[in-house]
Amino acid sequence: MMTWFLYIARCRDDTLYTGISTNIKRREEEHNTNNKRGAKSLRNKRPVKIVYFEKYMNQIEARSREAEVKGWKRKYKLKLISGFTRKITK
């Protein structure tokens, strides 16, 4: 079974981007390079830095949480991020 992550990235213009991935370190690199896998909407907002993540046992749970968080107002996302201290290690 593969581990999935929900992540929130902060962009150069201070916008927040929410997504999911099996490897958040790789995903951050994809968003910050000309890799075709990086989100097109972030290309003019580089650099992006993943500032928050949650771990899930499968893609279904991660995608469900992604949909929930994407529906939140910015202030709620910032509150979620504010107490987060874990680092990306993989």
PDB file of N, CA and C in Angstrom:
ATOM      1  N   MET A   1       0.846  -1.190   0.000  1.00  0.00           N
ATOM      2  CA  MET A   1       0.000   0.000   0.000  1.00  0.00           C
ATOM      3  C   MET A   1       0.888   1.249   0.000  1.00  0.00           C
ATOM      4  N   MET A   2       0.537   2.219  -0.792  1.00  0.00           N
ATOM      5  CA  MET A   2       1.334   3.426  -0.941  1.00  0.00           C
ATOM      6  C   MET A   2       0.800   4.545  -0.046  1.00  0.00           C
ATOM      7  N   THR A   3       1.710   5.260   0.594  1.00  0.00           N
ATOM      8  CA  THR A   3       1.345   6.410   1.413  1.00  0.00           C
ATOM      9  C   THR A   3       1.104   7.619   0.517  1.00  0.00           C
ATOM     10  N   TRP A   4       0.061   8.367   0.821  1.00  0.00           N
ATOM     11  CA  TRP A   4      -0.270   9.595   0.088  1.00  0.00           C
ATOM     12  C   TRP A   4      -0.223  10.776   1.044  1.00  0.00           C
ATOM     13  N   PHE A   5       0.049  11.943   0.490  1.00  0.00           N
ATOM     14  CA  PHE A   5       0.117  13.169   1.282  1.00  0.00           C
ATOM     15  C   PHE A   5      -0.791  14.240   0.688  1.00  0.00           C
ATOM     16  N   LEU A   6      -1.478  14.926   1.560  1.00  0.00           N
ATOM     17  CA  LEU A   6      -2.119  16.199   1.205  1.00  0.00           C
ATOM     18  C   LEU A   6      -1.064  17.247   1.529  1.00  0.00           C
ATOM     19  N   TYR A   7      -0.880  18.233   0.662  1.00  0.00           N
ATOM     20  CA  TYR A   7       0.083  19.290   0.964  1.00  0.00           C
ATOM     21  C   TYR A   7      -0.486  20.655   0.608  1.00  0.00           C
ATOM     22  N   ILE A   8       0.047  21.657   1.284  1.00  0.00           N
ATOM     23  CA  ILE A   8      -0.252  23.049   0.954  1.00  0.00           C
ATOM     24  C   ILE A   8       1.082  23.721   0.666  1.00  0.00           C
ATOM     25  N   ALA A   9       1.166  24.379  -0.484  1.00  0.00           N
ATOM     26  CA  ALA A   9       2.378  25.097  -0.873  1.00  0.00           C
ATOM     27  C   ALA A   9       2.096  26.596  -0.877  1.00  0.00           C
ATOM     28  N   ARG A  10       3.088  27.350  -0.427  1.00  0.00           N
ATOM     29  CA  ARG A  10       3.002  28.817  -0.471  1.00  0.00           C
ATOM     30  C   ARG A  10       3.802  29.287  -1.677  1.00  0.00           C
ATOM     31  N   CYS A  11       3.182  30.107  -2.503  1.00  0.00           N
ATOM     32  CA  CYS A  11       3.811  30.602  -3.731  1.00  0.00           C
ATOM     33  C   CYS A  11       4.512  31.935  -3.496  1.00  0.00           C
ATOM     34  N   ARG A  12       5.329  32.327  -4.457  1.00  0.00           N
ATOM     35  CA  ARG A  12       6.074  33.588  -4.383  1.00  0.00           C
ATOM     36  C   ARG A  12       5.148  34.776  -4.117  1.00  0.00           C
ATOM     37  N   ASP A  13       3.956  34.753  -4.713  1.00  0.00           N
ATOM     38  CA  ASP A  13       3.007  35.860  -4.531  1.00  0.00           C
ATOM     39  C   ASP A  13       2.130  35.693  -3.284  1.00  0.00           C
ATOM     40  N   ASP A  14       2.498  34.739  -2.425  1.00  0.00           N
ATOM     41  CA  ASP A  14       1.829  34.457  -1.152  1.00  0.00           C
ATOM     42  C   ASP A  14       0.487  33.744  -1.306  1.00  0.00           C
ATOM     43  N   THR A  15       0.151  33.290  -2.509  1.00  0.00           N
ATOM     44  CA  THR A  15      -1.044  32.468  -2.655  1.00  0.00           C
ATOM     45  C   THR A  15      -0.738  31.063  -2.139  1.00  0.00           C
ATOM     46  N   LEU A  16      -1.798  30.318  -1.847  1.00  0.00           N
ATOM     47  CA  LEU A  16      -1.654  28.951  -1.356  1.00  0.00           C
ATOM     48  C   LEU A  16      -2.192  27.980  -2.396  1.00  0.00           C
ATOM     49  N   TYR A  17      -1.482  26.873  -2.571  1.00  0.00           N
ATOM     50  CA  TYR A  17      -1.879  25.839  -3.525  1.00  0.00           C
ATOM     51  C   TYR A  17      -2.004  24.534  -2.754  1.00  0.00           C
ATOM     52  N   THR A  18      -3.110  23.834  -2.925  1.00  0.00           N
ATOM     53  CA  THR A  18      -3.351  22.569  -2.239  1.00  0.00           C
ATOM     54  C   THR A  18      -3.346  21.434  -3.244  1.00  0.00           C
ATOM     55  N   GLY A  19      -2.664  20.348  -2.913  1.00  0.00           N
ATOM     56  CA  GLY A  19      -2.609  19.196  -3.807  1.00  0.00           C
ATOM     57  C   GLY A  19      -2.317  17.919  -3.036  1.00  0.00           C
ATOM     58  N   ILE A  20      -2.186  16.807  -3.770  1.00  0.00           N
ATOM     59  CA  ILE A  20      -1.820  15.530  -3.165  1.00  0.00           C
ATOM     60  C   ILE A  20      -0.686  14.905  -3.970  1.00  0.00           C
ATOM     61  N   SER A  21       0.078  14.042  -3.304  1.00  0.00           N
ATOM     62  CA  SER A  21       1.197  13.371  -3.957  1.00  0.00           C
ATOM     63  C   SER A  21       1.654  12.193  -3.105  1.00  0.00           C
ATOM     64  N   THR A  22       2.374  11.265  -3.725  1.00  0.00           N
ATOM     65  CA  THR A  22       2.992  10.170  -2.973  1.00  0.00           C
ATOM     66  C   THR A  22       4.389  10.554  -2.500  1.00  0.00           C
ATOM     67  N   ASN A  23       4.938  11.638  -3.045  1.00  0.00           N
ATOM     68  CA  ASN A  23       6.285  12.073  -2.680  1.00  0.00           C
ATOM     69  C   ASN A  23       6.307  13.602  -2.708  1.00  0.00           C
ATOM     70  N   ILE A  24       6.200  14.224  -1.555  1.00  0.00           N
ATOM     71  CA  ILE A  24       6.057  15.683  -1.537  1.00  0.00           C
ATOM     72  C   ILE A  24       7.360  16.420  -1.839  1.00  0.00           C
ATOM     73  N   LYS A  25       8.490  15.820  -1.533  1.00  0.00           N
ATOM     74  CA  LYS A  25       9.759  16.465  -1.896  1.00  0.00           C
ATOM     75  C   LYS A  25       9.890  16.535  -3.416  1.00  0.00           C
ATOM     76  N   ARG A  26       9.597  15.410  -4.074  1.00  0.00           N
ATOM     77  CA  ARG A  26       9.638  15.381  -5.542  1.00  0.00           C
ATOM     78  C   ARG A  26       8.621  16.356  -6.131  1.00  0.00           C
ATOM     79  N   ARG A  27       7.441  16.397  -5.528  1.00  0.00           N
ATOM     80  CA  ARG A  27       6.377  17.269  -6.038  1.00  0.00           C
ATOM     81  C   ARG A  27       6.781  18.738  -5.944  1.00  0.00           C
ATOM     82  N   GLU A  28       7.415  19.111  -4.852  1.00  0.00           N
ATOM     83  CA  GLU A  28       7.888  20.484  -4.714  1.00  0.00           C
ATOM     84  C   GLU A  28       8.898  20.803  -5.823  1.00  0.00           C
ATOM     85  N   GLU A  29       9.793  19.868  -6.101  1.00  0.00           N
ATOM     86  CA  GLU A  29      10.773  20.056  -7.180  1.00  0.00           C
ATOM     87  C   GLU A  29      10.076  20.189  -8.534  1.00  0.00           C
ATOM     88  N   GLU A  30       9.052  19.370  -8.769  1.00  0.00           N
ATOM     89  CA  GLU A  30       8.307  19.443 -10.033  1.00  0.00           C
ATOM     90  C   GLU A  30       7.637  20.807 -10.202  1.00  0.00           C
ATOM     91  N   HIS A  31       7.083  21.324  -9.135  1.00  0.00           N
ATOM     92  CA  HIS A  31       6.428  22.636  -9.198  1.00  0.00           C
ATOM     93  C   HIS A  31       7.429  23.762  -9.462  1.00  0.00           C
ATOM     94  N   ASN A  32       8.673  23.566  -9.044  1.00  0.00           N
ATOM     95  CA  ASN A  32       9.677  24.625  -9.148  1.00  0.00           C
ATOM     96  C   ASN A  32      10.582  24.529 -10.371  1.00  0.00           C
ATOM     97  N   THR A  33      10.372  23.535 -11.209  1.00  0.00           N
ATOM     98  CA  THR A  33      11.190  23.374 -12.413  1.00  0.00           C
ATOM     99  C   THR A  33      10.279  23.353 -13.634  1.00  0.00           C
ATOM    100  N   ASN A  34      10.873  23.167 -14.779  1.00  0.00           N
ATOM    101  CA  ASN A  34      10.087  23.089 -16.015  1.00  0.00           C
ATOM    102  C   ASN A  34       9.575  21.679 -16.289  1.00  0.00           C
ATOM    103  N   ASN A  35       9.540  20.851 -15.267  1.00  0.00           N
ATOM    104  CA  ASN A  35       9.007  19.501 -15.380  1.00  0.00           C
ATOM    105  C   ASN A  35       7.542  19.571 -15.808  1.00  0.00           C
ATOM    106  N   LYS A  36       7.172  18.767 -16.775  1.00  0.00           N
ATOM    107  CA  LYS A  36       5.791  18.780 -17.285  1.00  0.00           C
ATOM    108  C   LYS A  36       4.770  18.355 -16.233  1.00  0.00           C
ATOM    109  N   ARG A  37       5.216  17.695 -15.182  1.00  0.00           N
ATOM    110  CA  ARG A  37       4.297  17.239 -14.137  1.00  0.00           C
ATOM    111  C   ARG A  37       3.916  18.342 -13.151  1.00  0.00           C
ATOM    112  N   GLY A  38       4.667  19.427 -13.132  1.00  0.00           N
ATOM    113  CA  GLY A  38       4.343  20.542 -12.241  1.00  0.00           C
ATOM    114  C   GLY A  38       3.068  21.240 -12.699  1.00  0.00           C
ATOM    115  N   ALA A  39       2.300  21.737 -11.754  1.00  0.00           N
ATOM    116  CA  ALA A  39       1.038  22.408 -12.086  1.00  0.00           C
ATOM    117  C   ALA A  39       1.286  23.641 -12.951  1.00  0.00           C
ATOM    118  N   LYS A  40       0.592  23.722 -14.069  1.00  0.00           N
ATOM    119  CA  LYS A  40       0.740  24.866 -14.980  1.00  0.00           C
ATOM    120  C   LYS A  40       0.383  26.177 -14.289  1.00  0.00           C
ATOM    121  N   SER A  41      -0.586  26.131 -13.403  1.00  0.00           N
ATOM    122  CA  SER A  41      -1.030  27.359 -12.729  1.00  0.00           C
ATOM    123  C   SER A  41       0.043  27.949 -11.814  1.00  0.00           C
ATOM    124  N   LEU A  42       1.073  27.172 -11.491  1.00  0.00           N
ATOM    125  CA  LEU A  42       2.119  27.657 -10.589  1.00  0.00           C
ATOM    126  C   LEU A  42       3.356  28.165 -11.320  1.00  0.00           C
ATOM    127  N   ARG A  43       3.414  28.021 -12.610  1.00  0.00           N
ATOM    128  CA  ARG A  43       4.635  28.373 -13.347  1.00  0.00           C
ATOM    129  C   ARG A  43       5.035  29.830 -13.200  1.00  0.00           C
ATOM    130  N   ASN A  44       4.088  30.724 -13.078  1.00  0.00           N
ATOM    131  CA  ASN A  44       4.403  32.144 -12.901  1.00  0.00           C
ATOM    132  C   ASN A  44       4.438  32.557 -11.430  1.00  0.00           C
ATOM    133  N   LYS A  45       4.349  31.577 -10.540  1.00  0.00           N
ATOM    134  CA  LYS A  45       4.313  31.870  -9.105  1.00  0.00           C
ATOM    135  C   LYS A  45       5.505  31.259  -8.366  1.00  0.00           C
ATOM    136  N   ARG A  46       6.494  30.811  -9.110  1.00  0.00           N
ATOM    137  CA  ARG A  46       7.668  30.187  -8.504  1.00  0.00           C
ATOM    138  C   ARG A  46       8.538  31.226  -7.813  1.00  0.00           C
ATOM    139  N   PRO A  47       9.246  30.832  -6.788  1.00  0.00           N
ATOM    140  CA  PRO A  47       9.298  29.484  -6.239  1.00  0.00           C
ATOM    141  C   PRO A  47       8.095  29.198  -5.342  1.00  0.00           C
ATOM    142  N   VAL A  48       7.806  27.911  -5.207  1.00  0.00           N
ATOM    143  CA  VAL A  48       6.781  27.468  -4.271  1.00  0.00           C
ATOM    144  C   VAL A  48       7.464  26.622  -3.202  1.00  0.00           C
ATOM    145  N   LYS A  49       6.931  26.675  -1.999  1.00  0.00           N
ATOM    146  CA  LYS A  49       7.492  25.935  -0.873  1.00  0.00           C
ATOM    147  C   LYS A  49       6.362  25.218  -0.166  1.00  0.00           C
ATOM    148  N   ILE A  50       6.495  23.913   0.000  1.00  0.00           N
ATOM    149  CA  ILE A  50       5.480  23.166   0.743  1.00  0.00           C
ATOM    150  C   ILE A  50       5.623  23.527   2.217  1.00  0.00           C
ATOM    151  N   VAL A  51       4.548  24.057   2.771  1.00  0.00           N
ATOM    152  CA  VAL A  51       4.566  24.563   4.146  1.00  0.00           C
ATOM    153  C   VAL A  51       3.707  23.732   5.093  1.00  0.00           C
ATOM    154  N   TYR A  52       3.003  22.743   4.540  1.00  0.00           N
ATOM    155  CA  TYR A  52       2.122  21.912   5.368  1.00  0.00           C
ATOM    156  C   TYR A  52       1.859  20.607   4.643  1.00  0.00           C
ATOM    157  N   PHE A  53       1.773  19.513   5.412  1.00  0.00           N
ATOM    158  CA  PHE A  53       1.347  18.248   4.813  1.00  0.00           C
ATOM    159  C   PHE A  53       0.706  17.340   5.850  1.00  0.00           C
ATOM    160  N   GLU A  54      -0.122  16.440   5.363  1.00  0.00           N
ATOM    161  CA  GLU A  54      -0.759  15.402   6.166  1.00  0.00           C
ATOM    162  C   GLU A  54      -0.554  14.076   5.441  1.00  0.00           C
ATOM    163  N   LYS A  55      -0.403  13.008   6.198  1.00  0.00           N
ATOM    164  CA  LYS A  55      -0.141  11.680   5.647  1.00  0.00           C
ATOM    165  C   LYS A  55      -1.430  10.849   5.641  1.00  0.00           C
ATOM    166  N   TYR A  56      -1.658  10.124   4.540  1.00  0.00           N
ATOM    167  CA  TYR A  56      -2.844   9.271   4.403  1.00  0.00           C
ATOM    168  C   TYR A  56      -2.456   7.887   3.897  1.00  0.00           C
ATOM    169  N   MET A  57      -3.265   6.905   4.229  1.00  0.00           N
ATOM    170  CA  MET A  57      -2.978   5.518   3.866  1.00  0.00           C
ATOM    171  C   MET A  57      -3.295   5.195   2.414  1.00  0.00           C
ATOM    172  N   ASN A  58      -4.127   6.011   1.777  1.00  0.00           N
ATOM    173  CA  ASN A  58      -4.459   5.731   0.378  1.00  0.00           C
ATOM    174  C   ASN A  58      -4.884   7.009  -0.343  1.00  0.00           C
ATOM    175  N   GLN A  59      -4.975   6.898  -1.657  1.00  0.00           N
ATOM    176  CA  GLN A  59      -5.299   8.055  -2.492  1.00  0.00           C
ATOM    177  C   GLN A  59      -6.721   8.554  -2.247  1.00  0.00           C
ATOM    178  N   ILE A  60      -7.643   7.657  -1.986  1.00  0.00           N
ATOM    179  CA  ILE A  60      -9.037   8.050  -1.776  1.00  0.00           C
ATOM    180  C   ILE A  60      -9.158   8.994  -0.577  1.00  0.00           C
ATOM    181  N   GLU A  61      -8.503   8.637   0.538  1.00  0.00           N
ATOM    182  CA  GLU A  61      -8.546   9.494   1.727  1.00  0.00           C
ATOM    183  C   GLU A  61      -7.874  10.840   1.465  1.00  0.00           C
ATOM    184  N   ALA A  62      -6.732  10.803   0.790  1.00  0.00           N
ATOM    185  CA  ALA A  62      -6.005  12.045   0.494  1.00  0.00           C
ATOM    186  C   ALA A  62      -6.818  12.945  -0.427  1.00  0.00           C
ATOM    187  N   ARG A  63      -7.434  12.375  -1.443  1.00  0.00           N
ATOM    188  CA  ARG A  63      -8.216  13.170  -2.394  1.00  0.00           C
ATOM    189  C   ARG A  63      -9.455  13.764  -1.719  1.00  0.00           C
ATOM    190  N   SER A  64     -10.055  13.011  -0.819  1.00  0.00           N
ATOM    191  CA  SER A  64     -11.215  13.511  -0.084  1.00  0.00           C
ATOM    192  C   SER A  64     -10.827  14.716   0.782  1.00  0.00           C
ATOM    193  N   ARG A  65      -9.699  14.596   1.467  1.00  0.00           N
ATOM    194  CA  ARG A  65      -9.217  15.706   2.301  1.00  0.00           C
ATOM    195  C   ARG A  65      -8.818  16.903   1.430  1.00  0.00           C
ATOM    196  N   GLU A  66      -8.214  16.631   0.273  1.00  0.00           N
ATOM    197  CA  GLU A  66      -7.845  17.702  -0.658  1.00  0.00           C
ATOM    198  C   GLU A  66      -9.080  18.509  -1.055  1.00  0.00           C
ATOM    199  N   ALA A  67     -10.152  17.816  -1.403  1.00  0.00           N
ATOM    200  CA  ALA A  67     -11.390  18.499  -1.802  1.00  0.00           C
ATOM    201  C   ALA A  67     -11.926  19.350  -0.653  1.00  0.00           C
ATOM    202  N   GLU A  68     -11.846  18.806   0.561  1.00  0.00           N
ATOM    203  CA  GLU A  68     -12.315  19.553   1.730  1.00  0.00           C
ATOM    204  C   GLU A  68     -11.499  20.834   1.921  1.00  0.00           C
ATOM    205  N   VAL A  69     -10.175  20.708   1.942  1.00  0.00           N
ATOM    206  CA  VAL A  69      -9.298  21.857   2.196  1.00  0.00           C
ATOM    207  C   VAL A  69      -9.379  22.874   1.063  1.00  0.00           C
ATOM    208  N   LYS A  70      -9.501  22.421  -0.173  1.00  0.00           N
ATOM    209  CA  LYS A  70      -9.620  23.350  -1.299  1.00  0.00           C
ATOM    210  C   LYS A  70     -10.874  24.214  -1.186  1.00  0.00           C
ATOM    211  N   GLY A  71     -11.874  23.729  -0.486  1.00  0.00           N
ATOM    212  CA  GLY A  71     -13.103  24.491  -0.299  1.00  0.00           C
ATOM    213  C   GLY A  71     -13.033  25.524   0.817  1.00  0.00           C
ATOM    214  N   TRP A  72     -11.950  25.506   1.577  1.00  0.00           N
ATOM    215  CA  TRP A  72     -11.803  26.427   2.698  1.00  0.00           C
ATOM    216  C   TRP A  72     -11.380  27.813   2.246  1.00  0.00           C
ATOM    217  N   LYS A  73     -11.726  28.802   3.039  1.00  0.00           N
ATOM    218  CA  LYS A  73     -11.214  30.156   2.839  1.00  0.00           C
ATOM    219  C   LYS A  73      -9.749  30.186   3.265  1.00  0.00           C
ATOM    220  N   ARG A  74      -9.028  31.147   2.728  1.00  0.00           N
ATOM    221  CA  ARG A  74      -7.598  31.292   3.005  1.00  0.00           C
ATOM    222  C   ARG A  74      -7.298  31.339   4.505  1.00  0.00           C
ATOM    223  N   LYS A  75      -8.117  32.055   5.277  1.00  0.00           N
ATOM    224  CA  LYS A  75      -7.826  32.220   6.705  1.00  0.00           C
ATOM    225  C   LYS A  75      -7.816  30.883   7.441  1.00  0.00           C
ATOM    226  N   TYR A  76      -8.628  29.926   7.009  1.00  0.00           N
ATOM    227  CA  TYR A  76      -8.645  28.616   7.651  1.00  0.00           C
ATOM    228  C   TYR A  76      -7.411  27.803   7.271  1.00  0.00           C
ATOM    229  N   LYS A  77      -6.967  27.953   6.031  1.00  0.00           N
ATOM    230  CA  LYS A  77      -5.734  27.278   5.609  1.00  0.00           C
ATOM    231  C   LYS A  77      -4.538  27.835   6.381  1.00  0.00           C
ATOM    232  N   LEU A  78      -4.505  29.149   6.563  1.00  0.00           N
ATOM    233  CA  LEU A  78      -3.407  29.768   7.308  1.00  0.00           C
ATOM    234  C   LEU A  78      -3.392  29.304   8.762  1.00  0.00           C
ATOM    235  N   LYS A  79      -4.557  29.121   9.336  1.00  0.00           N
ATOM    236  CA  LYS A  79      -4.644  28.632  10.712  1.00  0.00           C
ATOM    237  C   LYS A  79      -4.100  27.207  10.799  1.00  0.00           C
ATOM    238  N   LEU A  80      -4.414  26.386   9.813  1.00  0.00           N
ATOM    239  CA  LEU A  80      -3.911  25.016   9.757  1.00  0.00           C
ATOM    240  C   LEU A  80      -2.386  25.014   9.661  1.00  0.00           C
ATOM    241  N   ILE A  81      -1.847  25.867   8.814  1.00  0.00           N
ATOM    242  CA  ILE A  81      -0.402  25.956   8.588  1.00  0.00           C
ATOM    243  C   ILE A  81       0.331  26.510   9.810  1.00  0.00           C
ATOM    244  N   SER A  82      -0.292  27.424  10.534  1.00  0.00           N
ATOM    245  CA  SER A  82       0.396  28.192  11.582  1.00  0.00           C
ATOM    246  C   SER A  82       1.052  27.336  12.663  1.00  0.00           C
ATOM    247  N   GLY A  83       0.472  26.225  13.027  1.00  0.00           N
ATOM    248  CA  GLY A  83       1.048  25.395  14.082  1.00  0.00           C
ATOM    249  C   GLY A  83       1.887  24.244  13.573  1.00  0.00           C
ATOM    250  N   PHE A  84       2.138  24.204  12.283  1.00  0.00           N
ATOM    251  CA  PHE A  84       2.825  23.069  11.669  1.00  0.00           C
ATOM    252  C   PHE A  84       4.333  23.232  11.762  1.00  0.00           C
ATOM    253  N   THR A  85       5.037  22.186  12.223  1.00  0.00           N
ATOM    254  CA  THR A  85       6.489  22.280  12.390  1.00  0.00           C
ATOM    255  C   THR A  85       7.264  21.135  11.742  1.00  0.00           C
ATOM    256  N   ARG A  86       6.593  20.145  11.190  1.00  0.00           N
ATOM    257  CA  ARG A  86       7.311  19.001  10.608  1.00  0.00           C
ATOM    258  C   ARG A  86       8.037  19.403   9.332  1.00  0.00           C
ATOM    259  N   LYS A  87       9.095  18.684   9.037  1.00  0.00           N
ATOM    260  CA  LYS A  87       9.912  18.956   7.851  1.00  0.00           C
ATOM    261  C   LYS A  87       9.748  17.832   6.833  1.00  0.00           C
ATOM    262  N   ILE A  88       9.946  18.156   5.573  1.00  0.00           N
ATOM    263  CA  ILE A  88       9.960  17.154   4.511  1.00  0.00           C
ATOM    264  C   ILE A  88      11.317  16.463   4.565  1.00  0.00           C
ATOM    265  N   THR A  89      11.321  15.140   4.681  1.00  0.00           N
ATOM    266  CA  THR A  89      12.593  14.431   4.807  1.00  0.00           C
ATOM    267  C   THR A  89      12.879  13.458   3.678  1.00  0.00           C
ATOM    268  N   LYS A  90      11.881  13.033   2.949  1.00  0.00           N
ATOM    269  CA  LYS A  90      12.106  12.034   1.890  1.00  0.00           C
ATOM    270  C   LYS A  90      12.575  12.668   0.616  1.00  0.00           C
TER     271      LYS A  90
END
